[in-house]
Amino acid sequence: MPGVLIVEAFGQSAAALTAYSIDPEIVKNKLVYLMTVNNARFRNPVMPDCQLMLKVEAIRSKGKVWKYKGVAMVGDKIMADSEWMATIVDRKE
């Protein structure tokens, strides 16, 4: 699996975590945008038949900006890890 897809999976998981952490009525008209990716490390290749488990944690939030960290694992083996920031914005219709 290309590293960019692992980063995308981190971002999608963080967006879901954020949505479940905030009042659902507020979140339904919002979008989550990835702002930065820091310290991304790809330690081992992820093969197509592997089951990738993501562990994502919100480190802090300030206003509309959230900071996260995450680890991608296959079994007990760390495949990738990263920190990133995202922002929550109003959905424009």
N, C-alpha and C. Protein backbone atom coordinates (compact mmCIF):
# COMPACT_ATOMS: atom_id res chain seq x y z
N MET A 1 0.85 -1.17 0.00
CA MET A 1 0.00 0.00 0.00
C MET A 1 0.90 1.23 0.00
N PRO A 2 0.67 2.14 -0.92
CA PRO A 2 1.48 3.37 -0.94
C PRO A 2 1.28 4.20 0.33
N GLY A 3 2.36 4.86 0.75
CA GLY A 3 2.31 5.67 1.95
C GLY A 3 1.25 6.75 1.92
N VAL A 4 1.00 7.31 0.74
CA VAL A 4 0.00 8.37 0.64
C VAL A 4 -1.39 7.85 1.01
N LEU A 5 -1.66 6.57 0.75
CA LEU A 5 -2.95 6.00 1.14
C LEU A 5 -3.04 5.78 2.65
N ILE A 6 -1.91 5.49 3.27
CA ILE A 6 -1.90 5.37 4.73
C ILE A 6 -2.16 6.74 5.36
N VAL A 7 -1.54 7.79 4.82
CA VAL A 7 -1.78 9.15 5.31
C VAL A 7 -3.24 9.52 5.11
N GLU A 8 -3.82 9.17 3.96
CA GLU A 8 -5.24 9.43 3.71
C GLU A 8 -6.11 8.69 4.73
N ALA A 9 -5.77 7.46 5.03
CA ALA A 9 -6.52 6.69 6.02
C ALA A 9 -6.44 7.35 7.40
N PHE A 10 -5.25 7.85 7.76
CA PHE A 10 -5.11 8.60 9.01
C PHE A 10 -6.07 9.80 9.01
N GLY A 11 -6.06 10.56 7.93
CA GLY A 11 -6.91 11.75 7.84
C GLY A 11 -8.39 11.43 7.93
N GLN A 12 -8.82 10.38 7.23
CA GLN A 12 -10.23 9.99 7.27
C GLN A 12 -10.62 9.52 8.68
N SER A 13 -9.74 8.77 9.31
CA SER A 13 -10.02 8.30 10.68
C SER A 13 -10.10 9.47 11.66
N ALA A 14 -9.22 10.44 11.49
CA ALA A 14 -9.24 11.62 12.36
C ALA A 14 -10.51 12.42 12.15
N ALA A 15 -10.97 12.54 10.91
CA ALA A 15 -12.22 13.26 10.63
C ALA A 15 -13.39 12.56 11.31
N ALA A 16 -13.42 11.24 11.26
CA ALA A 16 -14.49 10.49 11.93
C ALA A 16 -14.41 10.67 13.44
N LEU A 17 -13.20 10.62 13.99
CA LEU A 17 -13.00 10.82 15.43
C LEU A 17 -13.50 12.20 15.84
N THR A 18 -13.17 13.22 15.05
CA THR A 18 -13.60 14.58 15.34
C THR A 18 -15.12 14.68 15.30
N ALA A 19 -15.73 14.07 14.28
CA ALA A 19 -17.18 14.12 14.15
C ALA A 19 -17.88 13.48 15.35
N TYR A 20 -17.33 12.38 15.85
CA TYR A 20 -17.93 11.72 17.00
C TYR A 20 -17.61 12.42 18.32
N SER A 21 -16.63 13.33 18.31
CA SER A 21 -16.25 14.05 19.53
C SER A 21 -17.04 15.33 19.71
N ILE A 22 -17.70 15.77 18.64
CA ILE A 22 -18.44 17.03 18.65
C ILE A 22 -19.92 16.71 18.51
N ASP A 23 -20.77 17.61 18.90
CA ASP A 23 -22.22 17.46 18.75
C ASP A 23 -22.57 17.15 17.29
N PRO A 24 -23.27 16.05 17.02
CA PRO A 24 -23.60 15.67 15.64
C PRO A 24 -24.36 16.74 14.87
N GLU A 25 -25.18 17.52 15.54
CA GLU A 25 -25.92 18.58 14.85
C GLU A 25 -24.98 19.67 14.33
N ILE A 26 -23.90 19.92 15.04
CA ILE A 26 -22.93 20.93 14.61
C ILE A 26 -22.11 20.40 13.45
N VAL A 27 -21.70 19.15 13.52
CA VAL A 27 -20.77 18.58 12.55
C VAL A 27 -21.40 18.33 11.18
N LYS A 28 -22.71 18.12 11.12
CA LYS A 28 -23.31 17.73 9.84
C LYS A 28 -23.17 18.79 8.75
N ASN A 29 -22.93 20.03 9.10
CA ASN A 29 -22.72 21.09 8.12
C ASN A 29 -21.28 21.57 8.08
N LYS A 30 -20.36 20.70 8.46
CA LYS A 30 -18.94 21.05 8.49
C LYS A 30 -18.13 20.10 7.61
N LEU A 31 -16.94 20.55 7.24
CA LEU A 31 -15.95 19.72 6.54
C LEU A 31 -14.66 19.75 7.34
N VAL A 32 -13.91 18.67 7.26
CA VAL A 32 -12.60 18.60 7.92
C VAL A 32 -11.53 18.59 6.84
N TYR A 33 -10.61 19.56 6.90
CA TYR A 33 -9.53 19.66 5.92
C TYR A 33 -8.19 19.37 6.59
N LEU A 34 -7.40 18.55 5.95
CA LEU A 34 -6.04 18.26 6.41
C LEU A 34 -5.18 19.49 6.15
N MET A 35 -4.43 19.93 7.16
CA MET A 35 -3.59 21.11 7.03
C MET A 35 -2.12 20.75 6.88
N THR A 36 -1.61 19.92 7.78
CA THR A 36 -0.19 19.56 7.75
C THR A 36 -0.03 18.08 8.10
N VAL A 37 1.06 17.51 7.62
CA VAL A 37 1.48 16.17 8.02
C VAL A 37 2.92 16.31 8.50
N ASN A 38 3.19 15.90 9.74
CA ASN A 38 4.52 16.04 10.32
C ASN A 38 5.04 14.69 10.80
N ASN A 39 6.33 14.53 10.69
CA ASN A 39 7.01 13.35 11.23
C ASN A 39 6.43 12.03 10.73
N ALA A 40 6.00 11.99 9.47
CA ALA A 40 5.47 10.74 8.91
C ALA A 40 6.63 9.78 8.67
N ARG A 41 6.50 8.59 9.22
CA ARG A 41 7.54 7.57 9.04
C ARG A 41 6.87 6.29 8.55
N PHE A 42 7.42 5.75 7.48
CA PHE A 42 6.92 4.51 6.90
C PHE A 42 7.98 3.46 7.17
N ARG A 43 7.72 2.61 8.15
CA ARG A 43 8.73 1.71 8.68
C ARG A 43 8.83 0.39 7.94
N ASN A 44 7.70 -0.11 7.46
CA ASN A 44 7.66 -1.41 6.78
C ASN A 44 6.64 -1.35 5.66
N PRO A 45 6.85 -2.10 4.58
CA PRO A 45 5.88 -2.11 3.49
C PRO A 45 4.59 -2.83 3.91
N VAL A 46 3.47 -2.31 3.44
CA VAL A 46 2.17 -2.93 3.69
C VAL A 46 1.74 -3.62 2.40
N MET A 47 1.60 -4.92 2.46
CA MET A 47 1.24 -5.72 1.29
C MET A 47 -0.28 -5.79 1.14
N PRO A 48 -0.78 -6.06 -0.08
CA PRO A 48 -2.22 -6.06 -0.33
C PRO A 48 -3.04 -7.00 0.56
N ASP A 49 -2.48 -8.11 1.00
CA ASP A 49 -3.27 -9.05 1.80
C ASP A 49 -3.22 -8.76 3.30
N CYS A 50 -2.57 -7.67 3.71
CA CYS A 50 -2.44 -7.33 5.13
C CYS A 50 -3.68 -6.58 5.62
N GLN A 51 -4.03 -6.81 6.88
CA GLN A 51 -5.09 -6.04 7.51
C GLN A 51 -4.44 -4.93 8.33
N LEU A 52 -4.63 -3.69 7.90
CA LEU A 52 -4.01 -2.54 8.53
C LEU A 52 -4.92 -2.00 9.62
N MET A 53 -4.42 -1.90 10.84
CA MET A 53 -5.17 -1.37 11.97
C MET A 53 -4.63 0.01 12.30
N LEU A 54 -5.52 1.00 12.37
CA LEU A 54 -5.12 2.37 12.67
C LEU A 54 -5.50 2.72 14.10
N LYS A 55 -4.58 3.35 14.80
CA LYS A 55 -4.84 3.89 16.13
C LYS A 55 -4.62 5.40 16.03
N VAL A 56 -5.70 6.16 16.16
CA VAL A 56 -5.65 7.61 15.99
C VAL A 56 -6.08 8.27 17.29
N GLU A 57 -5.35 9.31 17.68
CA GLU A 57 -5.63 10.02 18.92
C GLU A 57 -5.60 11.52 18.66
N ALA A 58 -6.61 12.23 19.16
CA ALA A 58 -6.61 13.69 19.12
C ALA A 58 -5.73 14.17 20.28
N ILE A 59 -4.67 14.90 19.96
CA ILE A 59 -3.75 15.38 20.98
C ILE A 59 -4.29 16.64 21.65
N ARG A 60 -4.77 17.57 20.82
CA ARG A 60 -5.35 18.81 21.36
C ARG A 60 -6.15 19.51 20.28
N SER A 61 -6.96 20.46 20.72
CA SER A 61 -7.69 21.30 19.78
C SER A 61 -7.69 22.72 20.31
N LYS A 62 -7.65 23.65 19.38
CA LYS A 62 -7.71 25.06 19.73
C LYS A 62 -8.56 25.73 18.66
N GLY A 63 -9.73 26.14 19.04
CA GLY A 63 -10.65 26.72 18.07
C GLY A 63 -11.04 25.67 17.04
N LYS A 64 -10.80 25.98 15.78
CA LYS A 64 -11.16 25.07 14.69
C LYS A 64 -10.02 24.15 14.28
N VAL A 65 -8.88 24.25 14.94
CA VAL A 65 -7.71 23.46 14.56
C VAL A 65 -7.49 22.32 15.56
N TRP A 66 -7.32 21.12 15.03
CA TRP A 66 -7.09 19.92 15.84
C TRP A 66 -5.75 19.32 15.47
N LYS A 67 -5.06 18.78 16.46
CA LYS A 67 -3.80 18.07 16.22
C LYS A 67 -3.98 16.61 16.62
N TYR A 68 -3.44 15.71 15.78
CA TYR A 68 -3.61 14.27 15.97
C TYR A 68 -2.27 13.56 15.88
N LYS A 69 -2.27 12.33 16.38
CA LYS A 69 -1.16 11.43 16.11
C LYS A 69 -1.77 10.06 15.86
N GLY A 70 -1.04 9.26 15.08
CA GLY A 70 -1.57 7.95 14.76
C GLY A 70 -0.48 6.95 14.44
N VAL A 71 -0.85 5.68 14.58
CA VAL A 71 0.04 4.56 14.29
C VAL A 71 -0.75 3.58 13.43
N ALA A 72 -0.11 3.09 12.37
CA ALA A 72 -0.69 2.05 11.52
C ALA A 72 0.06 0.76 11.82
N MET A 73 -0.69 -0.31 12.11
CA MET A 73 -0.06 -1.57 12.50
C MET A 73 -0.65 -2.74 11.72
N VAL A 74 0.18 -3.74 11.51
CA VAL A 74 -0.27 -5.05 11.03
C VAL A 74 0.12 -6.03 12.13
N GLY A 75 -0.88 -6.56 12.81
CA GLY A 75 -0.60 -7.38 13.99
C GLY A 75 0.04 -6.51 15.05
N ASP A 76 1.18 -6.91 15.56
CA ASP A 76 1.91 -6.13 16.57
C ASP A 76 3.03 -5.29 15.97
N LYS A 77 3.14 -5.29 14.65
CA LYS A 77 4.24 -4.61 13.97
C LYS A 77 3.81 -3.22 13.49
N ILE A 78 4.58 -2.20 13.88
CA ILE A 78 4.30 -0.83 13.44
C ILE A 78 4.75 -0.67 11.99
N MET A 79 3.81 -0.24 11.15
CA MET A 79 4.09 -0.06 9.73
C MET A 79 4.35 1.41 9.40
N ALA A 80 3.64 2.31 10.09
CA ALA A 80 3.79 3.75 9.85
C ALA A 80 3.28 4.51 11.06
N ASP A 81 3.77 5.73 11.22
CA ASP A 81 3.25 6.61 12.25
C ASP A 81 3.41 8.05 11.78
N SER A 82 2.61 8.94 12.36
CA SER A 82 2.61 10.32 11.90
C SER A 82 1.89 11.21 12.91
N GLU A 83 2.09 12.51 12.75
CA GLU A 83 1.30 13.54 13.42
C GLU A 83 0.77 14.44 12.32
N TRP A 84 -0.39 15.01 12.53
CA TRP A 84 -0.95 15.91 11.53
C TRP A 84 -1.94 16.85 12.19
N MET A 85 -2.29 17.91 11.45
CA MET A 85 -3.26 18.89 11.92
C MET A 85 -4.36 19.02 10.88
N ALA A 86 -5.56 19.30 11.38
CA ALA A 86 -6.72 19.48 10.50
C ALA A 86 -7.55 20.63 11.03
N THR A 87 -8.37 21.20 10.16
CA THR A 87 -9.27 22.27 10.57
C THR A 87 -10.69 21.91 10.18
N ILE A 88 -11.63 22.44 10.94
CA ILE A 88 -13.05 22.23 10.69
C ILE A 88 -13.61 23.53 10.14
N VAL A 89 -14.26 23.45 8.98
CA VAL A 89 -14.81 24.65 8.34
C VAL A 89 -16.28 24.43 7.99
N ASP A 90 -16.99 25.53 7.78
CA ASP A 90 -18.39 25.43 7.36
C ASP A 90 -18.48 24.91 5.94
N ARG A 91 -19.46 24.04 5.71
CA ARG A 91 -19.73 23.52 4.36
C ARG A 91 -20.47 24.62 3.58
N LYS A 92 -19.96 24.93 2.39
CA LYS A 92 -20.62 25.92 1.53
C LYS A 92 -21.49 25.19 0.54
N GLU A 93 -22.74 25.57 0.48
CA GLU A 93 -23.68 24.85 -0.39
C GLU A 93 -23.86 25.54 -1.70
